[in-house]
Amino acid sequence: MGRKRRTISKDTKLKVALEAIQEKATIQEIAAKYQVTPSMVSLWKKSLLKHDLSPFEESKKNNKIEKELEKANDKIEFITKAYGKSQLELELLKKKMNLSD
């Protein structure tokens, strides 16, 4: 089986890029510290220097998942309200017909 791909947060990427720009340590040392490849450190550094913030933004996959989650929560809320309304109507009908439990 293949290795599982590791996801690195945007905050960590930004921190790594800033350390690389400060040049207090070599690219290899920074890469070892954060357990990433030196090429990734260089890529994030170049992106930050070019003001290309795309590596530091959340991925489209995360945004898609968040939208789907929001839609699901809206559906749950709608169904919960509908269920509550039907239960209230049932109780009112029982009272009206004197069918208490």
N, C-alpha and C. Protein backbone atom coordinates (compact mmCIF):
# COMPACT_ATOMS: atom_id res chain seq x y z
N MET A 1 0.84 -1.18 0.00
CA MET A 1 0.00 0.00 0.00
C MET A 1 0.89 1.25 0.00
N GLY A 2 0.39 2.30 -0.64
CA GLY A 2 1.15 3.53 -0.73
C GLY A 2 1.08 4.35 0.54
N ARG A 3 1.94 5.32 0.59
CA ARG A 3 1.95 6.21 1.76
C ARG A 3 0.77 7.15 1.71
N LYS A 4 0.28 7.50 2.87
CA LYS A 4 -0.83 8.43 2.96
C LYS A 4 -0.28 9.85 2.84
N ARG A 5 -0.92 10.66 2.04
CA ARG A 5 -0.47 12.02 1.80
C ARG A 5 -0.75 12.89 3.01
N ARG A 6 0.24 13.66 3.42
CA ARG A 6 0.11 14.51 4.60
C ARG A 6 -0.39 15.89 4.20
N THR A 7 -1.30 16.45 4.98
CA THR A 7 -1.82 17.78 4.70
C THR A 7 -1.15 18.76 5.65
N ILE A 8 -0.68 19.86 5.11
CA ILE A 8 0.01 20.85 5.91
C ILE A 8 -0.86 22.10 5.96
N SER A 9 -1.07 22.61 7.16
CA SER A 9 -1.96 23.76 7.32
C SER A 9 -1.35 25.01 6.70
N LYS A 10 -2.22 25.94 6.36
CA LYS A 10 -1.76 27.20 5.76
C LYS A 10 -0.89 27.98 6.74
N ASP A 11 -1.18 27.87 8.04
CA ASP A 11 -0.38 28.58 9.04
C ASP A 11 1.05 28.04 9.09
N THR A 12 1.17 26.71 9.02
CA THR A 12 2.49 26.10 9.02
C THR A 12 3.28 26.49 7.77
N LYS A 13 2.61 26.49 6.63
CA LYS A 13 3.28 26.88 5.38
C LYS A 13 3.80 28.31 5.47
N LEU A 14 2.97 29.18 6.02
CA LEU A 14 3.36 30.59 6.16
C LEU A 14 4.54 30.72 7.11
N LYS A 15 4.51 29.98 8.22
CA LYS A 15 5.59 30.02 9.19
C LYS A 15 6.91 29.55 8.56
N VAL A 16 6.83 28.46 7.80
CA VAL A 16 8.01 27.91 7.13
C VAL A 16 8.56 28.92 6.13
N ALA A 17 7.68 29.53 5.33
CA ALA A 17 8.11 30.51 4.32
C ALA A 17 8.77 31.72 4.98
N LEU A 18 8.20 32.19 6.08
CA LEU A 18 8.79 33.34 6.78
C LEU A 18 10.16 33.01 7.35
N GLU A 19 10.31 31.81 7.90
CA GLU A 19 11.63 31.39 8.40
C GLU A 19 12.63 31.32 7.26
N ALA A 20 12.20 30.85 6.11
CA ALA A 20 13.11 30.75 4.96
C ALA A 20 13.52 32.14 4.47
N ILE A 21 12.59 33.08 4.50
CA ILE A 21 12.91 34.45 4.08
C ILE A 21 13.89 35.10 5.04
N GLN A 22 13.75 34.84 6.33
CA GLN A 22 14.64 35.43 7.33
C GLN A 22 16.07 34.91 7.21
N GLU A 23 16.23 33.72 6.64
CA GLU A 23 17.53 33.09 6.39
C GLU A 23 18.39 32.94 7.65
N LYS A 24 17.76 32.66 8.77
CA LYS A 24 18.51 32.39 9.99
C LYS A 24 18.98 30.94 10.02
N ALA A 25 18.36 30.11 9.18
CA ALA A 25 18.73 28.70 9.04
C ALA A 25 18.68 28.36 7.55
N THR A 26 19.34 27.28 7.19
CA THR A 26 19.33 26.87 5.79
C THR A 26 17.98 26.24 5.44
N ILE A 27 17.74 26.15 4.14
CA ILE A 27 16.49 25.53 3.66
C ILE A 27 16.39 24.09 4.17
N GLN A 28 17.52 23.37 4.14
CA GLN A 28 17.54 21.99 4.59
C GLN A 28 17.21 21.88 6.09
N GLU A 29 17.72 22.79 6.89
CA GLU A 29 17.45 22.77 8.33
C GLU A 29 15.97 23.05 8.60
N ILE A 30 15.42 24.02 7.89
CA ILE A 30 14.00 24.36 8.07
C ILE A 30 13.13 23.18 7.64
N ALA A 31 13.51 22.57 6.52
CA ALA A 31 12.75 21.41 6.01
C ALA A 31 12.78 20.27 7.03
N ALA A 32 13.92 20.01 7.61
CA ALA A 32 14.04 18.94 8.61
C ALA A 32 13.22 19.27 9.86
N LYS A 33 13.24 20.54 10.25
CA LYS A 33 12.51 20.97 11.45
C LYS A 33 11.01 20.73 11.30
N TYR A 34 10.47 21.03 10.13
CA TYR A 34 9.02 20.90 9.89
C TYR A 34 8.65 19.61 9.17
N GLN A 35 9.63 18.76 8.91
CA GLN A 35 9.42 17.47 8.25
C GLN A 35 8.75 17.63 6.89
N VAL A 36 9.29 18.54 6.08
CA VAL A 36 8.84 18.72 4.71
C VAL A 36 10.07 18.66 3.82
N THR A 37 9.85 18.63 2.51
CA THR A 37 10.99 18.58 1.61
C THR A 37 11.57 19.98 1.40
N PRO A 38 12.86 20.07 1.15
CA PRO A 38 13.47 21.38 0.88
C PRO A 38 12.83 22.08 -0.32
N SER A 39 12.40 21.30 -1.31
CA SER A 39 11.77 21.92 -2.48
C SER A 39 10.46 22.62 -2.11
N MET A 40 9.72 22.05 -1.15
CA MET A 40 8.49 22.70 -0.71
C MET A 40 8.79 24.00 0.02
N VAL A 41 9.83 23.99 0.84
CA VAL A 41 10.23 25.21 1.55
C VAL A 41 10.58 26.29 0.54
N SER A 42 11.34 25.93 -0.47
CA SER A 42 11.73 26.91 -1.50
C SER A 42 10.51 27.41 -2.27
N LEU A 43 9.59 26.52 -2.59
CA LEU A 43 8.38 26.89 -3.31
C LEU A 43 7.54 27.87 -2.50
N TRP A 44 7.35 27.59 -1.21
CA TRP A 44 6.55 28.47 -0.35
C TRP A 44 7.24 29.82 -0.17
N LYS A 45 8.56 29.80 -0.10
CA LYS A 45 9.32 31.05 0.03
C LYS A 45 9.14 31.90 -1.22
N LYS A 46 9.30 31.29 -2.39
CA LYS A 46 9.14 32.02 -3.66
C LYS A 46 7.73 32.56 -3.80
N SER A 47 6.75 31.76 -3.43
CA SER A 47 5.35 32.21 -3.52
C SER A 47 5.11 33.42 -2.64
N LEU A 48 5.64 33.39 -1.44
CA LEU A 48 5.45 34.51 -0.53
C LEU A 48 6.16 35.76 -1.03
N LEU A 49 7.35 35.58 -1.59
CA LEU A 49 8.09 36.74 -2.12
C LEU A 49 7.40 37.34 -3.34
N LYS A 50 6.71 36.50 -4.12
CA LYS A 50 6.00 36.99 -5.31
C LYS A 50 4.59 37.48 -4.97
N HIS A 51 4.24 37.45 -3.69
CA HIS A 51 2.91 37.84 -3.21
C HIS A 51 1.82 36.92 -3.77
N ASP A 52 2.20 35.70 -4.07
CA ASP A 52 1.23 34.69 -4.51
C ASP A 52 0.83 33.91 -3.27
N LEU A 53 -0.33 34.20 -2.75
CA LEU A 53 -0.75 33.60 -1.49
C LEU A 53 -1.56 32.30 -1.66
N SER A 54 -1.64 31.78 -2.87
CA SER A 54 -2.44 30.57 -3.09
C SER A 54 -2.00 29.37 -2.25
N PRO A 55 -0.70 29.14 -2.02
CA PRO A 55 -0.35 27.99 -1.17
C PRO A 55 -0.78 28.17 0.29
N PHE A 56 -1.02 29.40 0.68
CA PHE A 56 -1.34 29.68 2.08
C PHE A 56 -2.84 29.79 2.32
N GLU A 57 -3.63 29.63 1.27
CA GLU A 57 -5.07 29.66 1.40
C GLU A 57 -5.59 28.24 1.53
N GLU A 58 -6.78 28.10 2.06
CA GLU A 58 -7.36 26.78 2.20
C GLU A 58 -7.64 26.19 0.82
N SER A 59 -7.57 24.89 0.75
CA SER A 59 -7.76 24.23 -0.53
C SER A 59 -9.22 24.28 -0.97
N LYS A 60 -9.43 24.12 -2.26
CA LYS A 60 -10.78 24.12 -2.82
C LYS A 60 -11.58 22.94 -2.28
N LYS A 61 -10.88 21.85 -2.00
CA LYS A 61 -11.55 20.67 -1.48
C LYS A 61 -12.17 20.99 -0.12
N ASN A 62 -11.43 21.69 0.75
CA ASN A 62 -11.96 22.07 2.05
C ASN A 62 -13.16 22.99 1.91
N ASN A 63 -13.08 23.93 0.98
CA ASN A 63 -14.19 24.85 0.76
C ASN A 63 -15.43 24.09 0.29
N LYS A 64 -15.23 23.12 -0.60
CA LYS A 64 -16.35 22.32 -1.10
C LYS A 64 -16.98 21.53 0.04
N ILE A 65 -16.16 20.95 0.88
CA ILE A 65 -16.67 20.17 2.01
C ILE A 65 -17.44 21.07 2.97
N GLU A 66 -16.93 22.27 3.22
CA GLU A 66 -17.62 23.20 4.11
C GLU A 66 -18.99 23.59 3.54
N LYS A 67 -19.07 23.81 2.23
CA LYS A 67 -20.35 24.16 1.61
C LYS A 67 -21.34 23.01 1.73
N GLU A 68 -20.87 21.79 1.49
CA GLU A 68 -21.74 20.62 1.60
C GLU A 68 -22.22 20.44 3.04
N LEU A 69 -21.32 20.69 3.99
CA LEU A 69 -21.68 20.58 5.40
C LEU A 69 -22.73 21.63 5.77
N GLU A 70 -22.57 22.83 5.25
CA GLU A 70 -23.55 23.89 5.52
C GLU A 70 -24.92 23.52 4.95
N LYS A 71 -24.95 22.98 3.74
CA LYS A 71 -26.22 22.54 3.13
C LYS A 71 -26.87 21.44 3.97
N ALA A 72 -26.06 20.49 4.43
CA ALA A 72 -26.58 19.40 5.24
C ALA A 72 -27.15 19.94 6.56
N ASN A 73 -26.45 20.89 7.17
CA ASN A 73 -26.95 21.48 8.41
C ASN A 73 -28.26 22.22 8.19
N ASP A 74 -28.39 22.90 7.05
CA ASP A 74 -29.64 23.59 6.72
C ASP A 74 -30.79 22.59 6.59
N LYS A 75 -30.52 21.45 5.93
CA LYS A 75 -31.54 20.41 5.77
C LYS A 75 -31.95 19.86 7.13
N ILE A 76 -30.97 19.61 7.99
CA ILE A 76 -31.25 19.08 9.33
C ILE A 76 -32.11 20.07 10.11
N GLU A 77 -31.77 21.33 10.03
CA GLU A 77 -32.54 22.36 10.74
C GLU A 77 -33.98 22.41 10.22
N PHE A 78 -34.16 22.36 8.90
CA PHE A 78 -35.49 22.37 8.31
C PHE A 78 -36.31 21.17 8.77
N ILE A 79 -35.71 19.99 8.73
CA ILE A 79 -36.41 18.77 9.12
C ILE A 79 -36.76 18.81 10.61
N THR A 80 -35.84 19.32 11.43
CA THR A 80 -36.09 19.43 12.86
C THR A 80 -37.27 20.35 13.14
N LYS A 81 -37.32 21.48 12.45
CA LYS A 81 -38.43 22.42 12.62
C LYS A 81 -39.75 21.77 12.17
N ALA A 82 -39.72 21.07 11.05
CA ALA A 82 -40.92 20.42 10.54
C ALA A 82 -41.41 19.35 11.51
N TYR A 83 -40.49 18.59 12.06
CA TYR A 83 -40.85 17.55 13.03
C TYR A 83 -41.45 18.18 14.28
N GLY A 84 -40.82 19.24 14.77
CA GLY A 84 -41.34 19.94 15.95
C GLY A 84 -42.74 20.47 15.72
N LYS A 85 -42.98 21.02 14.53
CA LYS A 85 -44.29 21.57 14.19
C LYS A 85 -45.34 20.45 14.16
N SER A 86 -44.97 19.31 13.58
CA SER A 86 -45.92 18.20 13.49
C SER A 86 -46.23 17.65 14.89
N GLN A 87 -45.25 17.61 15.77
CA GLN A 87 -45.49 17.15 17.13
C GLN A 87 -46.41 18.10 17.88
N LEU A 88 -46.21 19.40 17.67
CA LEU A 88 -47.07 20.40 18.30
C LEU A 88 -48.51 20.26 17.81
N GLU A 89 -48.68 20.09 16.51
CA GLU A 89 -50.01 19.91 15.94
C GLU A 89 -50.68 18.65 16.49
N LEU A 90 -49.91 17.59 16.64
CA LEU A 90 -50.43 16.35 17.18
C LEU A 90 -50.93 16.54 18.61
N GLU A 91 -50.13 17.23 19.43
CA GLU A 91 -50.53 17.49 20.82
C GLU A 91 -51.80 18.35 20.88
N LEU A 92 -51.88 19.36 20.01
CA LEU A 92 -53.07 20.21 19.99
C LEU A 92 -54.31 19.41 19.59
N LEU A 93 -54.16 18.53 18.61
CA LEU A 93 -55.29 17.69 18.18
C LEU A 93 -55.72 16.73 19.30
N LYS A 94 -54.76 16.16 20.01
CA LYS A 94 -55.07 15.27 21.11
C LYS A 94 -55.87 16.00 22.19
N LYS A 95 -55.44 17.22 22.51
CA LYS A 95 -56.13 18.02 23.53
C LYS A 95 -57.55 18.36 23.07
N LYS A 96 -57.66 18.70 21.80
CA LYS A 96 -58.96 19.08 21.25
C LYS A 96 -59.92 17.91 21.29
N MET A 97 -59.42 16.72 21.08
CA MET A 97 -60.27 15.52 21.05
C MET A 97 -60.29 14.82 22.40
N ASN A 98 -59.66 15.40 23.42
CA ASN A 98 -59.59 14.82 24.77
C ASN A 98 -58.98 13.43 24.76
N LEU A 99 -57.87 13.27 24.04
CA LEU A 99 -57.16 11.98 23.96
C LEU A 99 -55.84 12.05 24.71
N SER A 100 -55.77 12.62 25.88
CA SER A 100 -54.52 12.75 26.62
C SER A 100 -53.94 11.38 26.92
N ASP A 101 -52.62 11.33 27.05
CA ASP A 101 -51.92 10.06 27.32
C ASP A 101 -52.21 9.55 28.70
